[in-house]
């Protein structure tokens, strides 16, 4: 049976897909949506900000501000 982008099982033909949609609509089967998983990389920004000195944070903010203004001056 073919799998969708997140690995979920899907019928391989149009008729099978239509039957599956009808079963979900009538409540015969429960549609399972993929769960969202928190990525470990999201924690890095907080740890990095605690490690930076106020001057380093200011320099990073200034560079980012200049880049934003540079984009709008086209």
N, C-alpha and C. Protein backbone atom coordinates (compact mmCIF):
# COMPACT_ATOMS: atom_id res chain seq x y z
N UNK A 1 0.84 -1.16 0.00
CA UNK A 1 0.00 0.00 0.00
C UNK A 1 0.90 1.24 0.00
N UNK A 2 0.61 2.24 -0.85
CA UNK A 2 1.43 3.45 -0.89
C UNK A 2 1.39 4.22 0.42
N UNK A 3 2.43 5.00 0.63
CA UNK A 3 2.49 5.80 1.85
C UNK A 3 2.55 7.28 1.48
N UNK A 4 1.97 8.12 2.33
CA UNK A 4 1.97 9.55 2.12
C UNK A 4 3.30 10.16 2.53
N UNK A 5 3.42 11.50 2.45
CA UNK A 5 4.68 12.15 2.78
C UNK A 5 5.17 11.90 4.20
N UNK A 6 4.27 11.75 5.16
CA UNK A 6 4.69 11.48 6.53
C UNK A 6 4.63 10.00 6.88
N UNK A 7 4.48 9.14 5.89
CA UNK A 7 4.50 7.71 6.12
C UNK A 7 3.15 7.09 6.41
N UNK A 8 2.07 7.88 6.34
CA UNK A 8 0.76 7.32 6.62
C UNK A 8 0.30 6.44 5.45
N UNK A 9 -0.49 5.43 5.76
CA UNK A 9 -0.96 4.51 4.74
C UNK A 9 -2.10 5.15 3.96
N UNK A 10 -2.06 5.02 2.65
CA UNK A 10 -3.10 5.56 1.78
C UNK A 10 -3.44 4.52 0.72
N UNK A 11 -4.70 4.49 0.30
CA UNK A 11 -5.06 3.58 -0.79
C UNK A 11 -4.34 3.98 -2.08
N UNK A 12 -4.02 2.98 -2.89
CA UNK A 12 -3.28 3.23 -4.12
C UNK A 12 -4.12 3.69 -5.29
N UNK A 13 -5.43 3.59 -5.21
CA UNK A 13 -6.26 3.99 -6.34
C UNK A 13 -7.33 5.00 -5.91
N UNK A 14 -7.98 5.59 -6.89
CA UNK A 14 -8.97 6.64 -6.63
C UNK A 14 -10.19 6.08 -5.91
N UNK A 15 -10.65 4.91 -6.31
CA UNK A 15 -11.83 4.32 -5.68
C UNK A 15 -11.55 3.98 -4.22
N UNK A 16 -10.38 3.42 -3.95
CA UNK A 16 -10.00 3.11 -2.58
C UNK A 16 -9.91 4.36 -1.73
N UNK A 17 -9.40 5.45 -2.31
CA UNK A 17 -9.31 6.71 -1.57
C UNK A 17 -10.70 7.26 -1.27
N UNK A 18 -11.62 7.15 -2.24
CA UNK A 18 -12.99 7.63 -2.04
C UNK A 18 -13.69 6.82 -0.94
N UNK A 19 -13.47 5.53 -0.92
CA UNK A 19 -14.08 4.68 0.11
C UNK A 19 -13.52 5.05 1.48
N UNK A 20 -12.22 5.31 1.54
CA UNK A 20 -11.61 5.68 2.81
C UNK A 20 -12.18 7.01 3.31
N UNK A 21 -12.36 7.98 2.42
CA UNK A 21 -12.93 9.27 2.81
C UNK A 21 -14.35 9.08 3.33
N UNK A 22 -15.12 8.23 2.65
CA UNK A 22 -16.50 7.97 3.09
C UNK A 22 -16.52 7.31 4.47
N UNK A 23 -15.62 6.37 4.72
CA UNK A 23 -15.57 5.71 6.03
C UNK A 23 -15.19 6.69 7.13
N UNK A 24 -14.27 7.61 6.84
CA UNK A 24 -13.89 8.62 7.82
C UNK A 24 -15.09 9.53 8.09
N UNK A 25 -15.82 9.91 7.03
CA UNK A 25 -16.96 10.82 7.17
C UNK A 25 -18.10 10.18 7.97
N UNK A 26 -18.30 8.88 7.81
CA UNK A 26 -19.38 8.21 8.53
C UNK A 26 -18.95 7.74 9.92
N UNK A 27 -17.67 7.81 10.21
CA UNK A 27 -17.20 7.43 11.53
C UNK A 27 -16.84 5.96 11.65
N UNK A 28 -16.80 5.22 10.56
CA UNK A 28 -16.43 3.80 10.62
C UNK A 28 -14.97 3.64 11.04
N UNK A 29 -14.13 4.52 10.53
CA UNK A 29 -12.72 4.50 10.93
C UNK A 29 -12.35 5.90 11.41
N UNK A 30 -11.30 5.99 12.21
CA UNK A 30 -10.86 7.27 12.73
C UNK A 30 -9.66 7.74 11.93
N UNK A 31 -9.72 8.97 11.51
CA UNK A 31 -8.60 9.53 10.76
C UNK A 31 -7.48 9.88 11.74
N UNK A 32 -6.29 9.42 11.46
CA UNK A 32 -5.15 9.69 12.32
C UNK A 32 -4.26 10.72 11.65
N UNK A 33 -4.12 11.86 12.29
CA UNK A 33 -3.27 12.91 11.76
C UNK A 33 -1.87 12.78 12.36
N UNK A 34 -0.86 13.17 11.61
CA UNK A 34 0.50 13.05 12.15
C UNK A 34 0.67 13.97 13.36
N UNK A 35 1.41 13.51 14.36
CA UNK A 35 1.65 14.32 15.55
C UNK A 35 2.85 15.22 15.30
N UNK A 36 2.82 16.39 15.91
CA UNK A 36 3.90 17.34 15.77
C UNK A 36 4.91 17.06 16.88
N UNK A 37 6.15 16.90 16.47
CA UNK A 37 7.21 16.63 17.44
C UNK A 37 8.09 17.87 17.58
N UNK A 38 8.43 18.19 18.81
CA UNK A 38 9.29 19.35 19.06
C UNK A 38 10.72 18.97 18.73
N UNK A 39 11.35 19.81 17.97
CA UNK A 39 12.72 19.54 17.57
C UNK A 39 13.68 20.06 18.64
N UNK A 40 14.73 19.34 18.89
CA UNK A 40 15.69 19.71 19.93
C UNK A 40 16.41 21.00 19.58
N UNK A 41 16.53 21.34 18.31
CA UNK A 41 17.23 22.56 17.90
C UNK A 41 16.57 23.83 18.38
N UNK A 42 15.30 23.78 18.74
CA UNK A 42 14.61 24.98 19.20
C UNK A 42 15.13 25.45 20.54
N UNK A 43 15.75 24.59 21.29
CA UNK A 43 16.26 24.94 22.61
C UNK A 43 17.59 25.70 22.51
N UNK A 44 18.27 25.61 21.38
CA UNK A 44 19.59 26.20 21.24
C UNK A 44 19.61 27.71 21.30
N UNK A 45 18.56 28.37 20.78
CA UNK A 45 18.53 29.83 20.78
C UNK A 45 18.53 30.41 22.18
N UNK A 46 17.78 29.80 23.06
CA UNK A 46 17.72 30.28 24.45
C UNK A 46 19.07 30.11 25.13
N UNK A 47 19.69 28.95 24.93
CA UNK A 47 20.99 28.71 25.55
C UNK A 47 22.04 29.67 25.00
N UNK A 48 21.96 29.94 23.69
CA UNK A 48 22.93 30.84 23.07
C UNK A 48 22.76 32.26 23.59
N UNK A 49 21.50 32.71 23.76
CA UNK A 49 21.27 34.07 24.24
C UNK A 49 21.78 34.26 25.67
N UNK A 50 21.71 33.23 26.47
CA UNK A 50 22.23 33.33 27.84
C UNK A 50 23.75 33.42 27.85
N UNK A 51 24.39 32.82 26.85
CA UNK A 51 25.84 32.78 26.81
C UNK A 51 26.45 34.07 26.25
N UNK A 52 25.69 34.81 25.42
CA UNK A 52 26.23 36.02 24.78
C UNK A 52 26.31 37.18 25.76
N UNK A 53 27.32 38.03 25.56
CA UNK A 53 27.43 39.25 26.35
C UNK A 53 26.48 40.30 25.77
N UNK A 54 26.15 41.33 26.54
CA UNK A 54 25.27 42.38 26.00
C UNK A 54 25.82 43.04 24.73
N UNK A 55 27.15 43.22 24.64
CA UNK A 55 27.74 43.82 23.44
C UNK A 55 27.57 42.90 22.23
N UNK A 56 27.77 41.59 22.43
CA UNK A 56 27.60 40.64 21.31
C UNK A 56 26.15 40.63 20.84
N UNK A 57 25.20 40.67 21.77
CA UNK A 57 23.78 40.72 21.39
C UNK A 57 23.48 41.99 20.61
N UNK A 58 24.04 43.10 21.04
CA UNK A 58 23.84 44.37 20.37
C UNK A 58 24.41 44.33 18.95
N UNK A 59 25.60 43.75 18.80
CA UNK A 59 26.22 43.65 17.47
C UNK A 59 25.36 42.80 16.53
N UNK A 60 24.86 41.68 17.03
CA UNK A 60 24.02 40.80 16.21
C UNK A 60 22.75 41.53 15.80
N UNK A 61 22.13 42.26 16.73
CA UNK A 61 20.91 43.00 16.44
C UNK A 61 21.17 44.09 15.42
N UNK A 62 22.32 44.79 15.53
CA UNK A 62 22.65 45.85 14.58
C UNK A 62 22.84 45.29 13.17
N UNK A 63 23.53 44.18 13.05
CA UNK A 63 23.75 43.55 11.75
C UNK A 63 22.42 43.12 11.13
N UNK A 64 21.55 42.55 11.95
CA UNK A 64 20.23 42.12 11.46
C UNK A 64 19.41 43.32 11.00
N UNK A 65 19.46 44.41 11.77
CA UNK A 65 18.72 45.62 11.41
C UNK A 65 19.22 46.20 10.09
N UNK A 66 20.53 46.25 9.93
CA UNK A 66 21.09 46.75 8.68
C UNK A 66 20.67 45.89 7.50
N UNK A 67 20.64 44.60 7.70
CA UNK A 67 20.23 43.69 6.62
C UNK A 67 18.77 43.91 6.25
N UNK A 68 17.91 44.13 7.25
CA UNK A 68 16.49 44.39 6.96
C UNK A 68 16.31 45.69 6.20
N UNK A 69 16.98 46.75 6.62
CA UNK A 69 16.85 48.03 5.95
C UNK A 69 17.45 47.99 4.55
N UNK A 70 18.49 47.22 4.37
CA UNK A 70 19.13 47.10 3.06
C UNK A 70 18.18 46.47 2.06
N UNK A 71 17.37 45.50 2.50
CA UNK A 71 16.41 44.83 1.61
C UNK A 71 15.33 45.78 1.12
N UNK A 72 14.91 46.74 1.96
CA UNK A 72 13.79 47.62 1.58
C UNK A 72 14.26 48.81 0.75
N UNK A 73 15.55 49.06 0.64
CA UNK A 73 16.06 50.21 -0.11
C UNK A 73 16.25 49.93 -1.60
N UNK A 74 15.79 48.87 -2.09
CA UNK A 74 16.02 48.48 -3.48
C UNK A 74 15.57 49.54 -4.38
